[in-house]
Every structure is written in C-alpha cells, then in structure tokens.
C-alpha cells in the first residue's frame, strides 16, 4: 500500500511541480517514510541491495534535513527518477503470505477427545 501511495505522491508532485514548494515537507515525509518501510521489507526478504537503495531514497527525501529542494528542473527530474524504484519494487518485493499453523488445542466440532 505504501508503495502505491509513494508512486501517486511522486507523480502528483511531478505533474504539479509549480506548486511543489507548498507541499514539499509533506511530500518528503511520505516518500521518506515509504522508503524506510520498503527498505525494511527488503531486509526481511534478504534483498539487501534493494534495502540500501530505499534507505538512500529515505536520506534523499529526508523531511528534517532537506537534501533536495522542491524547486528547479533537477529536483523535478530526481522526483520522476524516484518513481522507478517504487514501481520495480511492486514486482521484486512481493510480500509472502504467512502460513497458519493449526493449533494443537483447537477443538474441532465433531472431533472426539483422546
């Protein structure tokens, strides 16, 4: 879900770039938080190169110490370039469903006790 929110936020910022300084802090916060969450997912999946890339994105879009400004063509290009890792991670970092283990204390209707 956070990947899709990040993709939408980045595309929204790229399309409305002239208004980017108005919501730059919110944009950086959403992207940095999403990058940290996806990086953590990559570590759980043991894909460390993906994790390094997403943590680098989190540093790049850090809302507390701005590395990039939300004005200028170079910054707009960086925002557009940041869409690619999130899009690629949709396929590369799929979450594995958790398998449930039947409980030994689960009483099934109709079963007899030993």
N, C-alpha and C. Protein backbone atom coordinates (compact mmCIF):
# COMPACT_ATOMS: atom_id res chain seq x y z
N UNK A 1 0.82 -1.19 0.00
CA UNK A 1 0.00 0.00 0.00
C UNK A 1 0.88 1.26 0.00
N UNK A 2 1.93 1.26 0.83
CA UNK A 2 2.80 2.43 0.89
C UNK A 2 3.52 2.66 -0.43
N UNK A 3 3.80 1.59 -1.15
CA UNK A 3 4.45 1.76 -2.45
C UNK A 3 3.55 2.52 -3.40
N UNK A 4 2.28 2.15 -3.41
CA UNK A 4 1.34 2.83 -4.29
C UNK A 4 1.12 4.28 -3.88
N UNK A 5 1.09 4.54 -2.58
CA UNK A 5 0.95 5.91 -2.10
C UNK A 5 2.17 6.72 -2.52
N UNK A 6 3.34 6.15 -2.42
CA UNK A 6 4.56 6.86 -2.82
C UNK A 6 4.58 7.15 -4.31
N UNK A 7 4.19 6.17 -5.10
CA UNK A 7 4.14 6.38 -6.55
C UNK A 7 3.17 7.49 -6.89
N UNK A 8 1.99 7.47 -6.26
CA UNK A 8 1.00 8.51 -6.51
C UNK A 8 1.51 9.88 -6.07
N UNK A 9 2.15 9.94 -4.91
CA UNK A 9 2.67 11.22 -4.41
C UNK A 9 3.76 11.77 -5.32
N UNK A 10 4.65 10.90 -5.79
CA UNK A 10 5.72 11.35 -6.67
C UNK A 10 5.18 11.83 -8.02
N UNK A 11 4.22 11.10 -8.58
CA UNK A 11 3.64 11.51 -9.84
C UNK A 11 2.83 12.80 -9.67
N UNK A 12 2.12 12.91 -8.56
CA UNK A 12 1.37 14.12 -8.26
C UNK A 12 2.31 15.33 -8.17
N UNK A 13 3.42 15.14 -7.50
CA UNK A 13 4.40 16.23 -7.36
C UNK A 13 5.00 16.59 -8.70
N UNK A 14 5.27 15.60 -9.54
CA UNK A 14 5.87 15.87 -10.85
C UNK A 14 4.91 16.63 -11.75
N UNK A 15 3.63 16.27 -11.69
CA UNK A 15 2.65 16.93 -12.54
C UNK A 15 2.40 18.36 -12.07
N UNK A 16 2.30 18.54 -10.77
CA UNK A 16 2.03 19.87 -10.20
C UNK A 16 3.30 20.48 -9.63
N UNK A 17 4.37 20.46 -10.39
CA UNK A 17 5.67 20.87 -9.88
C UNK A 17 5.71 22.35 -9.48
N UNK A 18 4.92 23.18 -10.12
CA UNK A 18 4.95 24.60 -9.78
C UNK A 18 4.41 24.86 -8.37
N UNK A 19 3.60 23.92 -7.86
CA UNK A 19 3.08 24.05 -6.50
C UNK A 19 3.87 23.23 -5.48
N UNK A 20 4.92 22.59 -5.92
CA UNK A 20 5.70 21.70 -5.05
C UNK A 20 6.25 22.37 -3.80
N UNK A 21 6.70 23.61 -3.84
CA UNK A 21 7.18 24.22 -2.59
C UNK A 21 6.11 24.32 -1.51
N UNK A 22 4.84 24.37 -1.91
CA UNK A 22 3.75 24.48 -0.94
C UNK A 22 3.56 23.20 -0.13
N UNK A 23 3.77 22.06 -0.76
CA UNK A 23 3.58 20.79 -0.05
C UNK A 23 4.85 19.95 -0.03
N UNK A 24 5.99 20.59 -0.12
CA UNK A 24 7.27 19.89 -0.17
C UNK A 24 7.57 19.08 1.08
N UNK A 25 7.24 19.62 2.26
CA UNK A 25 7.51 18.90 3.50
C UNK A 25 6.68 17.63 3.60
N UNK A 26 5.41 17.73 3.22
CA UNK A 26 4.54 16.56 3.25
C UNK A 26 5.02 15.52 2.25
N UNK A 27 5.39 15.97 1.06
CA UNK A 27 5.89 15.06 0.03
C UNK A 27 7.14 14.34 0.52
N UNK A 28 8.09 15.07 1.07
CA UNK A 28 9.33 14.44 1.55
C UNK A 28 9.04 13.47 2.69
N UNK A 29 8.12 13.81 3.57
CA UNK A 29 7.79 12.92 4.68
C UNK A 29 7.17 11.61 4.18
N UNK A 30 6.23 11.70 3.26
CA UNK A 30 5.57 10.50 2.73
C UNK A 30 6.57 9.61 2.00
N UNK A 31 7.41 10.20 1.18
CA UNK A 31 8.38 9.42 0.41
C UNK A 31 9.43 8.80 1.32
N UNK A 32 9.93 9.55 2.29
CA UNK A 32 10.95 9.02 3.20
C UNK A 32 10.38 7.88 4.05
N UNK A 33 9.18 8.06 4.57
CA UNK A 33 8.55 7.00 5.37
C UNK A 33 8.32 5.75 4.53
N UNK A 34 7.83 5.94 3.32
CA UNK A 34 7.60 4.79 2.44
C UNK A 34 8.90 4.10 2.09
N UNK A 35 9.95 4.86 1.84
CA UNK A 35 11.24 4.26 1.50
C UNK A 35 11.80 3.45 2.67
N UNK A 36 11.62 3.94 3.89
CA UNK A 36 12.07 3.19 5.06
C UNK A 36 11.28 1.89 5.20
N UNK A 37 9.97 1.97 5.00
CA UNK A 37 9.13 0.76 5.12
C UNK A 37 9.47 -0.26 4.04
N UNK A 38 9.68 0.20 2.82
CA UNK A 38 10.03 -0.73 1.73
C UNK A 38 11.44 -1.27 1.96
N UNK A 39 12.35 -0.46 2.47
CA UNK A 39 13.68 -0.94 2.80
C UNK A 39 13.64 -2.02 3.87
N UNK A 40 12.79 -1.84 4.85
CA UNK A 40 12.62 -2.87 5.89
C UNK A 40 12.04 -4.14 5.30
N UNK A 41 11.10 -3.99 4.38
CA UNK A 41 10.55 -5.17 3.70
C UNK A 41 11.63 -5.87 2.90
N UNK A 42 12.51 -5.13 2.28
CA UNK A 42 13.60 -5.73 1.50
C UNK A 42 14.56 -6.48 2.40
N UNK A 43 14.82 -5.96 3.59
CA UNK A 43 15.70 -6.68 4.52
C UNK A 43 15.06 -7.99 4.94
N UNK A 44 13.76 -7.96 5.23
CA UNK A 44 13.08 -9.21 5.60
C UNK A 44 13.12 -10.23 4.47
N UNK A 45 13.10 -9.74 3.22
CA UNK A 45 13.17 -10.63 2.06
C UNK A 45 14.61 -10.99 1.70
N UNK A 46 15.58 -10.50 2.48
CA UNK A 46 17.01 -10.75 2.27
C UNK A 46 17.51 -10.22 0.93
N UNK A 47 16.93 -9.10 0.51
CA UNK A 47 17.38 -8.43 -0.71
C UNK A 47 18.03 -7.12 -0.28
N UNK A 48 19.28 -7.23 0.12
CA UNK A 48 19.98 -6.13 0.76
C UNK A 48 20.30 -4.98 -0.19
N UNK A 49 20.51 -5.27 -1.46
CA UNK A 49 20.79 -4.18 -2.39
C UNK A 49 19.55 -3.29 -2.56
N UNK A 50 18.38 -3.90 -2.54
CA UNK A 50 17.14 -3.12 -2.59
C UNK A 50 17.02 -2.27 -1.32
N UNK A 51 17.37 -2.84 -0.20
CA UNK A 51 17.27 -2.12 1.07
C UNK A 51 18.19 -0.90 1.06
N UNK A 52 19.40 -1.07 0.58
CA UNK A 52 20.35 0.05 0.52
C UNK A 52 19.79 1.15 -0.38
N UNK A 53 19.22 0.77 -1.51
CA UNK A 53 18.66 1.75 -2.43
C UNK A 53 17.51 2.54 -1.81
N UNK A 54 16.64 1.83 -1.10
CA UNK A 54 15.49 2.53 -0.50
C UNK A 54 15.90 3.36 0.71
N UNK A 55 16.89 2.92 1.45
CA UNK A 55 17.37 3.76 2.55
C UNK A 55 18.08 5.01 2.00
N UNK A 56 18.72 4.88 0.85
CA UNK A 56 19.31 6.06 0.21
C UNK A 56 18.22 7.03 -0.23
N UNK A 57 17.11 6.50 -0.74
CA UNK A 57 15.98 7.36 -1.08
C UNK A 57 15.42 8.06 0.17
N UNK A 58 15.38 7.35 1.28
CA UNK A 58 14.89 7.94 2.53
C UNK A 58 15.78 9.09 2.96
N UNK A 59 17.09 8.94 2.78
CA UNK A 59 18.01 10.03 3.13
C UNK A 59 17.83 11.19 2.14
N UNK A 60 17.65 10.88 0.88
CA UNK A 60 17.49 11.91 -0.15
C UNK A 60 16.24 12.75 0.09
N UNK A 61 15.15 12.09 0.51
CA UNK A 61 13.89 12.79 0.74
C UNK A 61 13.64 13.06 2.23
N UNK A 62 14.69 13.11 3.02
CA UNK A 62 14.58 13.35 4.46
C UNK A 62 13.81 14.65 4.73
N UNK A 63 12.70 14.60 5.48
CA UNK A 63 11.92 15.82 5.71
C UNK A 63 12.56 16.74 6.75
N UNK A 64 13.48 16.25 7.54
CA UNK A 64 14.06 17.06 8.61
C UNK A 64 15.29 17.83 8.16
N UNK A 65 16.06 17.27 7.27
CA UNK A 65 17.23 17.94 6.71
C UNK A 65 17.16 17.77 5.20
N UNK A 66 16.60 18.74 4.52
CA UNK A 66 16.33 18.63 3.09
C UNK A 66 17.63 18.51 2.29
N UNK A 67 17.75 17.42 1.57
CA UNK A 67 18.89 17.21 0.69
C UNK A 67 18.59 17.81 -0.67
N UNK A 68 17.33 17.66 -1.11
CA UNK A 68 16.91 18.27 -2.37
C UNK A 68 15.85 19.31 -2.06
N UNK A 69 15.81 20.33 -2.88
CA UNK A 69 14.77 21.34 -2.72
C UNK A 69 13.59 20.96 -3.61
N UNK A 70 12.47 21.57 -3.36
CA UNK A 70 11.29 21.28 -4.19
C UNK A 70 11.09 22.39 -5.21
N UNK A 71 12.18 22.77 -5.84
CA UNK A 71 12.11 23.73 -6.93
C UNK A 71 13.26 23.45 -7.89
N UNK A 72 13.05 23.75 -9.13
CA UNK A 72 14.09 23.54 -10.12
C UNK A 72 13.88 22.28 -10.94
N UNK A 73 14.44 22.28 -12.12
CA UNK A 73 14.29 21.16 -13.05
C UNK A 73 15.05 19.92 -12.59
N UNK A 74 16.21 20.10 -11.96
CA UNK A 74 16.98 18.94 -11.48
C UNK A 74 16.21 18.21 -10.39
N UNK A 75 15.60 18.95 -9.49
CA UNK A 75 14.81 18.33 -8.44
C UNK A 75 13.59 17.61 -9.00
N UNK A 76 12.99 18.20 -10.02
CA UNK A 76 11.85 17.55 -10.66
C UNK A 76 12.28 16.25 -11.32
N UNK A 77 13.44 16.24 -11.93
CA UNK A 77 13.97 15.02 -12.54
C UNK A 77 14.25 13.96 -11.48
N UNK A 78 14.77 14.37 -10.32
CA UNK A 78 15.00 13.41 -9.23
C UNK A 78 13.70 12.82 -8.72
N UNK A 79 12.67 13.63 -8.64
CA UNK A 79 11.36 13.13 -8.20
C UNK A 79 10.83 12.12 -9.20
N UNK A 80 10.94 12.43 -10.48
CA UNK A 80 10.49 11.47 -11.51
C UNK A 80 11.33 10.21 -11.49
N UNK A 81 12.63 10.33 -11.27
CA UNK A 81 13.50 9.16 -11.21
C UNK A 81 13.19 8.30 -9.99
N UNK A 82 12.70 8.90 -8.92
CA UNK A 82 12.39 8.14 -7.71
C UNK A 82 11.15 7.27 -7.88
N UNK A 83 10.38 7.52 -8.91
CA UNK A 83 9.20 6.68 -9.16
C UNK A 83 9.63 5.27 -9.55
N UNK A 84 10.70 5.17 -10.33
CA UNK A 84 11.14 3.88 -10.88
C UNK A 84 11.42 2.82 -9.81
N UNK A 85 12.17 3.11 -8.75
CA UNK A 85 12.41 2.05 -7.76
C UNK A 85 11.13 1.55 -7.08
N UNK A 86 10.20 2.46 -6.83
CA UNK A 86 8.95 2.03 -6.20
C UNK A 86 8.13 1.15 -7.15
N UNK A 87 8.11 1.51 -8.44
CA UNK A 87 7.39 0.70 -9.42
C UNK A 87 8.04 -0.67 -9.55
N UNK A 88 9.37 -0.71 -9.63
CA UNK A 88 10.06 -2.00 -9.76
C UNK A 88 9.89 -2.86 -8.50
N UNK A 89 9.79 -2.22 -7.35
CA UNK A 89 9.66 -2.98 -6.11
C UNK A 89 8.30 -3.65 -5.98
N UNK A 90 7.30 -3.18 -6.73
CA UNK A 90 6.00 -3.83 -6.68
C UNK A 90 6.11 -5.29 -7.10
N UNK A 91 6.98 -5.57 -8.07
CA UNK A 91 7.16 -6.95 -8.53
C UNK A 91 8.29 -7.65 -7.78
N UNK A 92 9.36 -6.95 -7.50
CA UNK A 92 10.55 -7.58 -6.92
C UNK A 92 10.40 -7.90 -5.44
N UNK A 93 9.61 -7.12 -4.72
CA UNK A 93 9.48 -7.31 -3.27
C UNK A 93 8.05 -7.64 -2.88
N UNK A 94 7.56 -8.72 -3.41
CA UNK A 94 6.20 -9.14 -3.04
C UNK A 94 6.23 -9.75 -1.66
N UNK A 95 5.22 -9.42 -0.88
CA UNK A 95 5.14 -9.99 0.46
C UNK A 95 4.66 -11.43 0.38
N UNK A 96 5.28 -12.27 1.15
CA UNK A 96 4.90 -13.67 1.20
C UNK A 96 3.77 -13.85 2.21
N UNK A 97 2.74 -14.58 1.83
CA UNK A 97 1.65 -14.79 2.80
C UNK A 97 2.13 -15.66 3.96
N UNK A 98 1.66 -15.32 5.12
CA UNK A 98 2.00 -16.10 6.30
C UNK A 98 1.15 -17.36 6.35
N UNK A 99 1.77 -18.47 6.55
CA UNK A 99 1.04 -19.73 6.63
C UNK A 99 0.60 -19.94 8.08
N UNK A 100 -0.64 -20.31 8.22
CA UNK A 100 -1.12 -20.53 9.58
C UNK A 100 -0.83 -21.98 9.98
N UNK A 101 -0.52 -22.16 11.23
CA UNK A 101 -0.23 -23.49 11.77
C UNK A 101 -1.43 -23.89 12.63
N UNK A 102 -1.98 -25.06 12.37
CA UNK A 102 -3.12 -25.46 13.19
C UNK A 102 -2.70 -25.64 14.65
N UNK A 103 -3.55 -25.20 15.50
CA UNK A 103 -3.26 -25.28 16.92
C UNK A 103 -3.55 -26.68 17.44
N UNK A 104 -2.74 -27.14 18.37
CA UNK A 104 -2.99 -28.46 18.93
C UNK A 104 -4.12 -28.40 19.96
N UNK A 105 -4.46 -27.21 20.39
CA UNK A 105 -5.56 -27.08 21.34
C UNK A 105 -6.87 -26.72 20.66
N UNK A 106 -6.85 -26.62 19.34
CA UNK A 106 -8.05 -26.25 18.60
C UNK A 106 -9.03 -27.42 18.65
N UNK A 107 -10.17 -27.15 19.17
CA UNK A 107 -11.19 -28.19 19.22
C UNK A 107 -12.08 -28.05 18.00
N UNK A 108 -12.10 -29.10 17.24
CA UNK A 108 -12.92 -29.09 16.03
C UNK A 108 -14.27 -29.68 16.36
N UNK A 109 -15.29 -29.08 15.84
CA UNK A 109 -16.63 -29.65 16.09
C UNK A 109 -16.72 -31.06 15.54
N UNK A 110 -17.22 -31.91 16.33
CA UNK A 110 -17.39 -33.30 15.89
C UNK A 110 -16.19 -34.18 16.17
N UNK A 111 -15.10 -33.62 16.67
CA UNK A 111 -13.94 -34.46 16.96
C UNK A 111 -14.07 -35.04 18.37
N UNK A 112 -13.46 -36.19 18.53
CA UNK A 112 -13.53 -36.84 19.83
C UNK A 112 -12.23 -36.59 20.58
N UNK A 113 -12.33 -36.48 21.88
CA UNK A 113 -11.13 -36.28 22.68
C UNK A 113 -10.40 -37.60 22.85
N UNK A 114 -9.13 -37.53 23.07
CA UNK A 114 -8.34 -38.75 23.23
C UNK A 114 -8.43 -39.22 24.60
